[in-house]
Each structure stands twice: as structure tokens, then as C-alpha cells.
């Protein structure tokens, strides 16, 4: 059994001609991220491994979510996740070590939203994701596959779609 969690970074300050990669979290993002961390812990959505884009806003989101993820997972900042497309994120998941049973990816739209929609299939969770995948939203999925390569091929069962507004 494998679990995949897709977390969009929390709300960031607007990019006014500056470097997108260096955008920090806004005040709302700094309050939404810990709330999402608490919600993940309450639901038992606890990863063994966190893979995070190297953007400042994703790293800050990780820092604010991490205190609620116990025991503390291994965390890696990965340049390839910065604005990664859905296929690249899924391919990265497929390459995970078999000892990892639950992985959290922290990244960006549109890649995370597209992947979440692809994995969600039909049903109420898919409809909610399609409606909007806001900042600091979390999509949770489960696969009965014994390894990540087979899990990546699907199918996935959607477990939850959490947004800051729904907490």
C-alpha cells in the first residue's frame, strides 16, 4: 500500500517583477500552512518522505507544516519540482524507494492540480479538485500496489481533498 500526498505551497506574496523563485509566503500563507499540518496529522496523513520544490514559498510551507508531521519524515529539496509538470511529478514518484510507504510532494500549479485530477478519476473529490486547487490545498491518494512504479501506473483511490477554507 502506497500513499501519495500533493500539497500546493501556501499563499505567497505577489510577484512584482522580482524573481519568482524567491517569492516568500504572505501572512495568510504563514497561517494556512500550520493549519494544514495540523489537519494532516489529525487524519493520519503522515509521510515517510517529503519532496519539496526549491522555491522559497515551498520551502517555507514545508517549514510550517513539518512540526505536525511526527515522526519527522526525511525531507529533500528538489530543483526538478520547481514548476514541474504532472508527468514529471508522477515519474519522480515512480522512482521512489520501495521502503517509502507515504510521500508528500510540495510544489506548484498547474502541475500539482493536473496530477491530482489525473489520479482522482471521477467522483466528488475529482469534482472539487476540478473546481479549484487553491494555495495550501492537499490532495491525498492511496494505491494498493506494492511498489511505486506500479502505483504510478494506477489506479489510485482518492482519500481526501483539503483546502484552508475547508479546515
Protein backbone atom coordinates (compact mmCIF):
# COMPACT_ATOMS: atom_id res chain seq x y z
CA UNK A 1 0.00 0.00 0.00
CA UNK A 2 1.36 3.42 -1.04
CA UNK A 3 0.07 6.87 -0.15
CA UNK A 4 0.73 10.00 -2.16
CA UNK A 5 0.06 13.50 -0.84
CA UNK A 6 0.15 16.54 -3.13
CA UNK A 7 0.41 19.88 -1.33
CA UNK A 8 0.38 23.17 -3.19
CA UNK A 9 2.52 25.81 -1.49
CA UNK A 10 0.73 28.25 0.80
CA UNK A 11 -0.27 31.74 -0.34
CA UNK A 12 2.76 33.76 -1.45
CA UNK A 13 3.34 37.47 -1.89
CA UNK A 14 2.61 38.70 -5.42
CA UNK A 15 5.46 38.64 -7.89
CA UNK A 16 6.06 42.22 -8.92
CA UNK A 17 8.84 41.87 -11.45
CA UNK A 18 11.07 40.05 -8.98
CA UNK A 19 12.39 36.56 -9.23
CA UNK A 20 9.51 34.08 -8.97
CA UNK A 21 11.72 31.50 -7.27
CA UNK A 22 12.38 33.91 -4.37
CA UNK A 23 8.76 34.82 -3.57
CA UNK A 24 8.06 34.38 0.15
CA UNK A 25 4.83 33.44 1.89
CA UNK A 26 2.22 36.08 2.59
CA UNK A 27 0.68 36.45 6.05
CA UNK A 28 -2.24 34.24 5.01
CA UNK A 29 0.19 31.57 3.84
CA UNK A 30 2.00 31.65 7.17
CA UNK A 31 -1.29 30.93 8.94
CA UNK A 32 -2.71 28.42 6.42
CA UNK A 33 0.35 26.13 6.36
CA UNK A 34 0.37 25.22 10.09
CA UNK A 35 -3.40 24.68 9.93
CA UNK A 36 -2.89 22.24 7.06
CA UNK A 37 -0.12 20.50 9.00
CA UNK A 38 -2.48 20.01 11.96
CA UNK A 39 -5.22 18.72 9.62
CA UNK A 40 -2.82 16.23 8.05
CA UNK A 41 -1.74 14.94 11.45
CA UNK A 42 -5.35 14.59 12.66
CA UNK A 43 -6.18 12.49 9.59
CA UNK A 44 -3.06 10.35 9.82
CA UNK A 45 -1.68 11.75 6.55
CA UNK A 46 1.90 11.35 7.72
CA UNK A 47 4.59 10.92 5.06
CA UNK A 48 7.82 8.96 5.40
CA UNK A 49 9.39 11.25 2.82
CA UNK A 50 8.79 14.85 1.76
CA UNK A 51 9.99 16.05 -1.64
CA UNK A 52 9.78 19.82 -1.98
CA UNK A 53 10.43 22.30 -4.76
CA UNK A 54 13.38 24.60 -4.09
CA UNK A 55 11.27 27.78 -4.36
CA UNK A 56 11.29 29.91 -1.24
CA UNK A 57 7.49 29.68 -0.82
CA UNK A 58 7.50 25.87 -0.97
CA UNK A 59 10.40 25.59 1.49
CA UNK A 60 8.61 27.97 3.87
CA UNK A 61 5.43 25.91 3.53
CA UNK A 62 7.42 22.80 4.43
CA UNK A 63 8.94 24.52 7.47
CA UNK A 64 5.46 25.42 8.77
CA UNK A 65 3.86 22.02 8.09
CA UNK A 66 6.78 19.90 9.32
CA UNK A 67 6.31 20.32 13.11
CA UNK A 68 2.97 18.47 12.82
CA UNK A 69 4.35 15.51 10.87
CA UNK A 70 5.53 13.10 13.53
CA UNK A 71 7.64 11.14 13.47
CA UNK A 72 9.63 13.62 11.41
CA UNK A 73 9.91 12.45 7.80
CA UNK A 74 13.01 12.64 5.67
CA UNK A 75 12.86 15.88 3.67
CA UNK A 76 14.56 16.74 0.38
CA UNK A 77 14.55 19.94 -1.64
CA UNK A 78 14.48 19.00 -5.33
CA UNK A 79 15.14 21.55 -8.10
CA UNK A 80 13.23 19.39 -10.60
CA UNK A 81 9.97 20.01 -8.74
CA UNK A 82 10.04 23.77 -9.35
CA UNK A 83 7.03 24.28 -11.65
CA UNK A 84 7.18 20.58 -12.61
CA UNK A 85 4.51 19.23 -14.93
CA UNK A 86 2.18 16.45 -13.79
CA UNK A 87 4.04 13.76 -15.74
CA UNK A 88 7.37 14.74 -14.18
CA UNK A 89 5.92 14.63 -10.66
CA UNK A 90 4.41 11.20 -11.26
CA UNK A 91 7.67 9.94 -12.78
CA UNK A 92 9.52 11.14 -9.68
CA UNK A 93 7.01 9.27 -7.51
CA UNK A 94 7.51 6.14 -9.62
CA UNK A 95 11.23 6.25 -8.83
CA UNK A 96 10.76 6.32 -5.05
CA UNK A 97 12.40 3.63 -2.94
CA UNK A 98 10.07 0.78 -2.03
CA UNK A 99 10.73 1.34 1.69
CA UNK A 100 8.81 4.63 1.42
CA UNK A 101 5.13 3.97 2.04
CA UNK A 102 3.86 7.56 2.08
CA UNK A 103 5.29 10.52 0.17
CA UNK A 104 4.40 14.19 0.27
CA UNK A 105 5.20 16.39 -2.72
CA UNK A 106 5.15 20.16 -2.10
CA UNK A 107 5.05 22.14 -5.29
CA UNK A 108 3.19 24.37 -7.69
CA UNK A 109 0.23 24.64 -10.02
CA UNK A 110 -0.60 23.81 -12.70
CA UNK A 111 1.40 20.57 -12.36
CA UNK A 112 0.04 19.50 -8.96
CA UNK A 113 -3.56 20.25 -9.91
CA UNK A 114 -3.25 18.38 -13.20
CA UNK A 115 -1.74 15.35 -11.48
CA UNK A 116 -4.39 15.40 -8.76
CA UNK A 117 -7.12 15.49 -11.42
CA UNK A 118 -5.49 12.61 -13.30
CA UNK A 119 -5.29 10.46 -10.18
CA UNK A 120 -8.73 11.35 -8.78
CA UNK A 121 -10.78 9.74 -11.56
CA UNK A 122 -14.47 10.55 -11.26
CA UNK A 123 -16.45 11.38 -8.18
CA UNK A 124 -16.89 14.12 -5.61
CA UNK A 125 -13.20 14.60 -4.82
CA UNK A 126 -12.36 14.95 -8.51
CA UNK A 127 -15.16 17.48 -8.90
CA UNK A 128 -13.80 19.56 -6.00
CA UNK A 129 -10.26 19.46 -7.39
CA UNK A 130 -11.52 20.48 -10.81
CA UNK A 131 -13.43 23.38 -9.29
CA UNK A 132 -10.32 24.89 -7.71
CA UNK A 133 -6.94 23.75 -6.35
CA UNK A 134 -6.11 26.77 -4.18
CA UNK A 135 -2.88 27.57 -2.41
CA UNK A 136 -2.15 25.24 0.51
CA UNK A 137 -4.61 22.63 -0.78
CA UNK A 138 -3.80 18.96 -0.15
CA UNK A 139 -4.90 16.04 -2.31
CA UNK A 140 -4.42 12.60 -0.73
CA UNK A 141 -4.39 9.30 -2.64
CA UNK A 142 -3.80 5.64 -1.92
CA UNK A 143 -2.70 2.75 -4.12
CA UNK A 144 -2.86 -0.95 -3.36
CA UNK A 145 0.26 -1.51 -5.48
CA UNK A 146 3.26 -3.00 -3.68
CA UNK A 147 5.79 -0.58 -5.20
CA UNK A 148 5.90 2.96 -6.54
CA UNK A 149 6.47 2.00 -10.17
CA UNK A 150 3.23 0.01 -10.24
CA UNK A 151 1.44 2.57 -8.09
CA UNK A 152 2.33 5.31 -10.56
CA UNK A 153 0.62 3.33 -13.31
CA UNK A 154 -2.62 3.49 -11.30
CA UNK A 155 -5.30 3.17 -10.30
CA UNK A 156 -5.36 5.48 -7.29
CA UNK A 157 -8.09 5.88 -4.70
CA UNK A 158 -8.71 9.49 -3.67
CA UNK A 159 -8.77 9.77 0.13
CA UNK A 160 -9.35 13.47 0.67
CA UNK A 161 -9.07 16.95 -0.75
CA UNK A 162 -8.40 19.54 1.93
CA UNK A 163 -8.31 23.28 1.45
CA UNK A 164 -7.64 26.00 4.00
CA UNK A 165 -11.28 27.08 3.67
CA UNK A 166 -12.49 23.54 4.44
CA UNK A 167 -10.50 23.17 7.68
